C-alpha cells in the first residue's frame, strides 16, 4: 500500500469515527423543547409531550453513558 493511499485510508477512518461518537449521535437524535421531547432514530421520529413544569429523567447505561449524559446537559 502506498503512503498516499494509507494516509487517505487513515483520514477516512478517523472521519468516520468522528461522525459516530456518542455525543454526535445524541445531538442528532434528541431535541428537548419546552413542551415536548423529540427523538429521531434512522428513519423514525417520535414526539413526546411533556407536562408543564414536569421533570425529565435521563437514564444512561454502558460505556457511552457519561459522554451521552454530558451532551444532554444533565450530567
C-alpha atoms as a PDB file:
ATOM      1  CA  UNK A   1       0.000   0.000   0.000  1.00  0.00           C
ATOM      2  CA  UNK A   2       1.446   3.368  -0.952  1.00  0.00           C
ATOM      3  CA  UNK A   3       1.945   6.056   1.706  1.00  0.00           C
ATOM      4  CA  UNK A   4      -0.606   8.308  -0.012  1.00  0.00           C
ATOM      5  CA  UNK A   5      -3.238   5.574  -0.100  1.00  0.00           C
ATOM      6  CA  UNK A   6      -2.543   4.722   3.539  1.00  0.00           C
ATOM      7  CA  UNK A   7      -2.889   8.377   4.584  1.00  0.00           C
ATOM      8  CA  UNK A   8      -6.183   8.633   2.736  1.00  0.00           C
ATOM      9  CA  UNK A   9      -7.477   5.433   4.350  1.00  0.00           C
ATOM     10  CA  UNK A  10      -6.494   6.604   7.833  1.00  0.00           C
ATOM     11  CA  UNK A  11      -8.095  10.020   7.245  1.00  0.00           C
ATOM     12  CA  UNK A  12     -11.356   8.405   6.077  1.00  0.00           C
ATOM     13  CA  UNK A  13     -11.338   6.044   9.063  1.00  0.00           C
ATOM     14  CA  UNK A  14     -10.881   8.934  11.502  1.00  0.00           C
ATOM     15  CA  UNK A  15     -13.609  10.989   9.831  1.00  0.00           C
ATOM     16  CA  UNK A  16     -15.957   8.030  10.080  1.00  0.00           C
ATOM     17  CA  UNK A  17     -15.235   7.560  13.777  1.00  0.00           C
ATOM     18  CA  UNK A  18     -15.736  11.266  14.450  1.00  0.00           C
ATOM     19  CA  UNK A  19     -19.249  11.046  12.988  1.00  0.00           C
ATOM     20  CA  UNK A  20     -20.359   8.242  15.293  1.00  0.00           C
ATOM     21  CA  UNK A  21     -19.272   9.477  18.713  1.00  0.00           C
ATOM     22  CA  UNK A  22     -21.944   9.198  21.415  1.00  0.00           C
ATOM     23  CA  UNK A  23     -22.117  12.983  21.629  1.00  0.00           C
ATOM     24  CA  UNK A  24     -22.656  13.422  17.891  1.00  0.00           C
ATOM     25  CA  UNK A  25     -25.299  10.712  17.695  1.00  0.00           C
ATOM     26  CA  UNK A  26     -27.199  12.049  20.701  1.00  0.00           C
ATOM     27  CA  UNK A  27     -27.103  15.594  19.306  1.00  0.00           C
ATOM     28  CA  UNK A  28     -28.741  14.283  16.125  1.00  0.00           C
ATOM     29  CA  UNK A  29     -31.281  12.055  17.889  1.00  0.00           C
ATOM     30  CA  UNK A  30     -32.559  14.109  20.825  1.00  0.00           C
ATOM     31  CA  UNK A  31     -34.140  17.534  21.000  1.00  0.00           C
ATOM     32  CA  UNK A  32     -35.833  18.927  24.089  1.00  0.00           C
ATOM     33  CA  UNK A  33     -38.343  21.699  23.636  1.00  0.00           C
ATOM     34  CA  UNK A  34     -40.386  23.413  26.355  1.00  0.00           C
ATOM     35  CA  UNK A  35     -43.468  21.288  25.680  1.00  0.00           C
ATOM     36  CA  UNK A  36     -42.063  18.164  24.014  1.00  0.00           C
ATOM     37  CA  UNK A  37     -39.206  15.742  23.652  1.00  0.00           C
ATOM     38  CA  UNK A  38     -38.351  14.790  20.079  1.00  0.00           C
ATOM     39  CA  UNK A  39     -36.498  11.565  19.362  1.00  0.00           C
ATOM     40  CA  UNK A  40     -35.113  10.577  15.977  1.00  0.00           C
ATOM     41  CA  UNK A  41     -33.683   7.198  15.036  1.00  0.00           C
ATOM     42  CA  UNK A  42     -32.787   6.303  11.463  1.00  0.00           C
ATOM     43  CA  UNK A  43     -35.994   6.966   9.503  1.00  0.00           C
ATOM     44  CA  UNK A  44     -38.320   7.217  12.515  1.00  0.00           C
ATOM     45  CA  UNK A  45     -39.222  10.305  14.559  1.00  0.00           C
ATOM     46  CA  UNK A  46     -41.289  10.425  17.696  1.00  0.00           C
ATOM     47  CA  UNK A  47     -42.567  13.409  19.634  1.00  0.00           C
ATOM     48  CA  UNK A  48     -43.488  13.009  23.293  1.00  0.00           C
ATOM     49  CA  UNK A  49     -45.469  15.736  25.060  1.00  0.00           C
ATOM     50  CA  UNK A  50     -44.021  16.975  28.348  1.00  0.00           C
ATOM     51  CA  UNK A  51     -46.099  18.137  31.284  1.00  0.00           C
ATOM     52  CA  UNK A  52     -45.688  21.839  32.085  1.00  0.00           C
ATOM     53  CA  UNK A  53     -43.216  22.211  34.937  1.00  0.00           C
ATOM     54  CA  UNK A  54     -42.575  18.476  34.963  1.00  0.00           C
ATOM     55  CA  UNK A  55     -39.248  16.721  35.295  1.00  0.00           C
ATOM     56  CA  UNK A  56     -37.390  14.813  32.656  1.00  0.00           C
ATOM     57  CA  UNK A  57     -35.196  11.966  33.875  1.00  0.00           C
ATOM     58  CA  UNK A  58     -32.433  10.524  31.740  1.00  0.00           C
ATOM     59  CA  UNK A  59     -31.028   7.038  32.259  1.00  0.00           C
ATOM     60  CA  UNK A  60     -27.737   6.276  30.528  1.00  0.00           C
ATOM     61  CA  UNK A  61     -26.188   2.822  30.729  1.00  0.00           C
ATOM     62  CA  UNK A  62     -22.989   1.459  29.266  1.00  0.00           C
ATOM     63  CA  UNK A  63     -19.629   2.688  28.032  1.00  0.00           C
ATOM     64  CA  UNK A  64     -21.149   5.723  26.335  1.00  0.00           C
ATOM     65  CA  UNK A  65     -23.262   6.754  29.343  1.00  0.00           C
ATOM     66  CA  UNK A  66     -21.026   9.561  30.617  1.00  0.00           C
ATOM     67  CA  UNK A  67     -20.464  11.352  27.274  1.00  0.00           C
ATOM     68  CA  UNK A  68     -24.151  10.998  26.369  1.00  0.00           C
ATOM     69  CA  UNK A  69     -25.326  12.408  29.695  1.00  0.00           C
ATOM     70  CA  UNK A  70     -22.834  15.257  29.404  1.00  0.00           C
ATOM     71  CA  UNK A  71     -24.024  16.080  25.875  1.00  0.00           C
ATOM     72  CA  UNK A  72     -27.624  16.037  27.077  1.00  0.00           C
ATOM     73  CA  UNK A  73     -26.634  18.699  29.596  1.00  0.00           C
ATOM     74  CA  UNK A  74     -27.885  16.802  32.607  1.00  0.00           C
ATOM     75  CA  UNK A  75     -24.604  15.477  33.949  1.00  0.00           C
END
